[in-house]
Amino acid sequence: MSHRRMTGRARSLLLACTATAAVLALSACEADGPAPAKADGGPSVVAPGKPGEAAETLSADEARKAGRKDSDPNAADVRFVRMMIVHHRQALDMAALAKEHADSGSVRRIARRIAAAQGPEIGALEGWLDRRGEPSEEKEGHGHGHEHASMPGMATEAELDRLAAARGHAFDELFVKLMITHHQGAVTMATEVLKEGNDVLVEEMATDMSVQQTAEISRMREL
């Protein structure tokens, strides 16, 4: 393993932090209140110790620092950023349809949250590529290539056509079904880059996306 890669223990800390944050986000969603936190402002994380050593309890900030890697992007980081831009854009297209055709106020609110979060995230992802001189998928001419069709959670053209044609309650049901699958795909992609990537900014973005979209999946399942 390269000296620039996260150590096994540090990576365990980050993944433990991510899982804990996701659980707390879901609990907060269900209770319609803030997630519990330690006095220092972050949820506690039980970090496994080295062989023969006891586990220790860290705040989320401490766990994130322990898991921090050098900002040295690898192919997994670049692939994630490129794919997530396309993934987010499809979510924005679906959210725009909800603004026009949804019947449920809850579905409309979910769509607004998705648009408010993922629009700025696209800008951050594109900025990450620009700063590193990496072209986007669109600039490379792969904006609608077969690789995107195989991305986890992506709706097919036929599914998007059905969504665009639906109205009212039928729209709401199909939107929730497709968006849950879409979010699950994003969480899968984020989990993969946390294991395989090497860039600290990508790590932070993937962690935030995973927590946020896991919480939204819970909200949509309750509709």
Protein backbone atom coordinates (compact mmCIF):
# COMPACT_ATOMS: atom_id res chain seq x y z
CA MET A 1 0.00 0.00 0.00
CA SER A 2 1.32 3.45 -0.93
CA HIS A 3 2.32 5.75 1.92
CA ARG A 4 -0.20 8.27 0.58
CA ARG A 5 -3.14 5.93 1.04
CA MET A 6 -5.22 5.96 4.18
CA THR A 7 -4.15 3.38 6.76
CA GLY A 8 -6.52 0.50 7.48
CA ARG A 9 -7.33 1.89 10.93
CA ALA A 10 -7.87 5.43 9.61
CA ARG A 11 -10.19 4.18 6.88
CA SER A 12 -12.13 2.21 9.51
CA LEU A 13 -12.54 5.41 11.50
CA LEU A 14 -13.94 7.26 8.50
CA LEU A 15 -16.37 4.50 7.55
CA ALA A 16 -17.48 4.23 11.17
CA CYS A 17 -18.04 7.98 11.21
CA THR A 18 -20.04 7.81 8.01
CA ALA A 19 -22.24 5.01 9.29
CA THR A 20 -22.81 6.74 12.61
CA ALA A 21 -23.67 10.03 10.90
CA ALA A 22 -26.15 8.28 8.65
CA VAL A 23 -27.92 6.68 11.61
CA LEU A 24 -28.05 9.97 13.44
CA ALA A 25 -29.39 11.74 10.36
CA LEU A 26 -32.17 9.17 10.05
CA SER A 27 -33.04 9.45 13.74
CA ALA A 28 -33.16 13.22 13.45
CA CYS A 29 -35.40 12.96 10.41
CA GLU A 30 -37.87 10.69 12.17
CA ALA A 31 -37.95 12.87 15.26
CA ASP A 32 -38.07 16.07 13.19
CA GLY A 33 -35.32 17.53 15.34
CA PRO A 34 -31.54 17.90 15.42
CA ALA A 35 -29.27 14.88 15.64
CA PRO A 36 -27.78 14.20 19.08
CA ALA A 37 -24.29 15.52 19.52
CA LYS A 38 -21.48 15.58 22.02
CA ALA A 39 -20.69 18.75 23.91
CA ASP A 40 -17.92 19.48 21.40
CA GLY A 41 -20.47 19.66 18.59
CA GLY A 42 -20.16 16.26 16.90
CA PRO A 43 -21.58 12.74 17.29
CA SER A 44 -19.38 10.23 19.06
CA VAL A 45 -17.70 7.42 17.14
CA VAL A 46 -16.34 4.21 18.64
CA ALA A 47 -13.05 3.65 16.82
CA PRO A 48 -11.49 0.18 16.79
CA GLY A 49 -8.05 0.03 18.34
CA LYS A 50 -4.94 -1.63 16.98
CA PRO A 51 -4.46 -5.33 17.78
CA GLY A 52 -4.18 -5.67 21.54
CA GLU A 53 -5.44 -2.13 22.17
CA ALA A 54 -8.84 -1.04 23.45
CA ALA A 55 -11.30 0.87 21.30
CA GLU A 56 -11.60 4.60 21.85
CA THR A 57 -14.46 7.07 21.56
CA LEU A 58 -13.87 10.03 19.24
CA SER A 59 -15.97 12.96 18.14
CA ALA A 60 -16.93 13.11 14.45
CA ASP A 61 -14.30 15.82 13.91
CA GLU A 62 -11.62 13.72 15.57
CA ALA A 63 -12.55 10.68 13.50
CA ARG A 64 -12.49 12.73 10.30
CA LYS A 65 -9.03 14.07 11.14
CA ALA A 66 -7.78 10.58 11.93
CA GLY A 67 -9.04 9.38 8.58
CA ARG A 68 -7.73 12.30 6.55
CA LYS A 69 -5.66 11.45 3.48
CA ASP A 70 -3.29 13.44 1.35
CA SER A 71 -5.07 15.33 -1.41
CA ASP A 72 -3.65 13.14 -4.15
CA PRO A 73 -6.51 12.12 -6.48
CA ASN A 74 -6.50 8.73 -8.13
CA ALA A 75 -8.58 7.25 -10.93
CA ALA A 76 -11.39 6.28 -8.53
CA ASP A 77 -11.75 9.91 -7.39
CA VAL A 78 -11.93 11.26 -10.94
CA ARG A 79 -14.39 8.59 -12.02
CA PHE A 80 -16.66 9.29 -9.05
CA VAL A 81 -16.71 13.04 -9.63
CA ARG A 82 -17.46 12.72 -13.35
CA MET A 83 -20.19 10.16 -12.81
CA MET A 84 -21.79 12.01 -9.90
CA ILE A 85 -22.17 15.17 -11.97
CA VAL A 86 -24.26 13.24 -14.48
CA HIS A 87 -26.08 11.42 -11.67
CA HIS A 88 -27.00 14.69 -9.96
CA ARG A 89 -28.17 16.27 -13.20
CA GLN A 90 -30.68 13.49 -13.70
CA ALA A 91 -31.95 14.04 -10.15
CA LEU A 92 -32.40 17.76 -10.94
CA ASP A 93 -34.37 16.89 -14.08
CA MET A 94 -36.65 14.64 -12.05
CA ALA A 95 -37.04 17.30 -9.35
CA ALA A 96 -38.03 19.86 -12.00
CA LEU A 97 -40.79 17.52 -13.18
CA ALA A 98 -42.06 17.25 -9.61
CA LYS A 99 -42.41 21.02 -9.44
CA GLU A 100 -44.79 20.86 -12.39
CA HIS A 101 -46.65 17.58 -11.93
CA ALA A 102 -46.54 16.37 -8.31
CA ASP A 103 -49.78 16.25 -6.33
CA SER A 104 -48.33 15.73 -2.86
CA GLY A 105 -46.89 18.66 -0.96
CA SER A 106 -44.41 16.26 0.65
CA VAL A 107 -43.15 15.15 -2.75
CA ARG A 108 -42.76 18.78 -3.79
CA ARG A 109 -40.76 19.52 -0.64
CA ILE A 110 -38.48 16.53 -1.22
CA ALA A 111 -37.91 17.72 -4.80
CA ARG A 112 -37.06 21.24 -3.59
CA ARG A 113 -34.54 19.85 -1.09
CA ILE A 114 -32.94 17.73 -3.79
CA ALA A 115 -32.63 20.72 -6.12
CA ALA A 116 -31.28 22.97 -3.35
CA ALA A 117 -28.61 20.44 -2.36
CA GLN A 118 -27.54 18.87 -5.62
CA GLY A 119 -27.38 22.02 -7.76
CA PRO A 120 -24.55 23.51 -5.66
CA GLU A 121 -22.91 20.08 -5.39
CA ILE A 122 -22.66 19.92 -9.17
CA GLY A 123 -20.81 23.25 -9.07
CA ALA A 124 -18.42 21.91 -6.43
CA LEU A 125 -17.78 18.74 -8.42
CA GLU A 126 -17.17 20.66 -11.65
CA GLY A 127 -14.82 23.00 -9.79
CA TRP A 128 -12.87 20.01 -8.48
CA LEU A 129 -12.36 18.76 -12.06
CA ASP A 130 -11.42 22.22 -13.36
CA ARG A 131 -8.80 22.79 -10.65
CA ARG A 132 -7.13 19.52 -11.60
CA GLY A 133 -7.36 19.98 -15.34
CA GLU A 134 -9.70 17.02 -15.69
CA PRO A 135 -12.39 17.23 -18.40
CA SER A 136 -15.98 16.39 -17.57
CA GLU A 137 -17.74 13.47 -19.20
CA GLU A 138 -19.61 15.88 -21.47
CA LYS A 139 -16.42 17.55 -22.69
CA GLU A 140 -15.01 14.14 -23.52
CA GLY A 141 -18.12 13.37 -25.56
CA HIS A 142 -19.52 10.75 -23.20
CA GLY A 143 -22.45 12.70 -21.79
CA HIS A 144 -24.93 10.00 -22.75
CA GLY A 145 -22.65 6.99 -23.14
CA HIS A 146 -23.38 3.43 -22.15
CA GLU A 147 -21.35 3.83 -18.95
CA HIS A 148 -23.98 6.23 -17.61
CA ALA A 149 -26.76 3.76 -18.28
CA SER A 150 -24.92 1.29 -16.05
CA MET A 151 -24.44 3.79 -13.20
CA PRO A 152 -26.13 2.64 -9.99
CA GLY A 153 -29.64 4.05 -9.63
CA MET A 154 -29.88 5.87 -12.95
CA ALA A 155 -33.38 5.94 -14.44
CA THR A 156 -33.71 4.76 -18.03
CA GLU A 157 -35.00 6.97 -20.82
CA ALA A 158 -38.24 4.98 -20.84
CA GLU A 159 -38.69 5.54 -17.08
CA LEU A 160 -38.07 9.26 -17.47
CA ASP A 161 -40.60 9.41 -20.30
CA ARG A 162 -43.20 7.72 -18.08
CA LEU A 163 -42.43 10.15 -15.28
CA ALA A 164 -42.79 13.15 -17.58
CA ALA A 165 -46.16 11.87 -18.80
CA ALA A 166 -47.54 11.08 -15.32
CA ARG A 167 -49.68 13.46 -13.30
CA GLY A 168 -50.94 13.77 -9.75
CA HIS A 169 -50.86 10.70 -7.51
CA ALA A 170 -49.49 8.49 -10.29
CA PHE A 171 -46.60 10.93 -10.69
CA ASP A 172 -45.94 10.97 -6.95
CA GLU A 173 -45.70 7.17 -6.73
CA LEU A 174 -43.37 6.87 -9.72
CA PHE A 175 -41.21 9.81 -8.61
CA VAL A 176 -40.69 8.33 -5.13
CA LYS A 177 -39.91 4.90 -6.57
CA LEU A 178 -37.37 6.21 -9.07
CA MET A 179 -35.78 8.70 -6.67
CA ILE A 180 -35.29 6.13 -3.91
CA THR A 181 -33.48 3.91 -6.42
CA HIS A 182 -31.51 6.94 -7.65
CA HIS A 183 -30.42 7.88 -4.12
CA GLN A 184 -29.48 4.29 -3.32
CA GLY A 185 -27.23 4.34 -6.37
CA ALA A 186 -25.55 7.52 -5.18
CA VAL A 187 -24.92 5.99 -1.75
CA THR A 188 -23.39 2.94 -3.44
CA MET A 189 -21.08 5.16 -5.51
CA ALA A 190 -20.09 7.19 -2.44
CA THR A 191 -19.30 4.04 -0.47
CA GLU A 192 -17.12 2.76 -3.28
CA VAL A 193 -15.06 5.94 -3.57
CA LEU A 194 -14.58 6.07 0.21
CA LYS A 195 -12.96 2.65 -0.06
CA GLU A 196 -11.01 3.19 -3.28
CA GLY A 197 -10.37 6.95 -3.57
CA ASN A 198 -7.45 8.96 -2.26
CA ASP A 199 -8.53 12.61 -2.28
CA VAL A 200 -9.65 14.31 0.92
CA LEU A 201 -12.14 16.68 -0.77
CA VAL A 202 -13.79 13.84 -2.65
CA GLU A 203 -13.90 11.91 0.62
CA GLU A 204 -15.72 14.77 2.33
CA MET A 205 -18.19 15.27 -0.52
CA ALA A 206 -18.94 11.54 -0.72
CA THR A 207 -19.50 11.34 3.03
CA ASP A 208 -21.89 14.30 3.01
CA MET A 209 -23.81 12.92 0.02
CA SER A 210 -24.14 9.51 1.63
CA VAL A 211 -25.53 10.91 4.89
CA GLN A 212 -27.90 13.36 3.19
CA GLN A 213 -29.28 10.94 0.64
CA THR A 214 -29.70 8.14 3.19
CA ALA A 215 -31.86 10.50 5.25
CA GLU A 216 -33.91 11.44 2.16
CA ILE A 217 -34.47 7.77 1.35
CA SER A 218 -35.99 7.37 4.82
CA ARG A 219 -38.27 10.37 4.26
CA MET A 220 -39.48 9.09 0.91
CA ARG A 221 -40.20 5.61 2.25
CA GLU A 222 -42.54 7.18 4.78
CA LEU A 223 -44.61 9.05 2.16
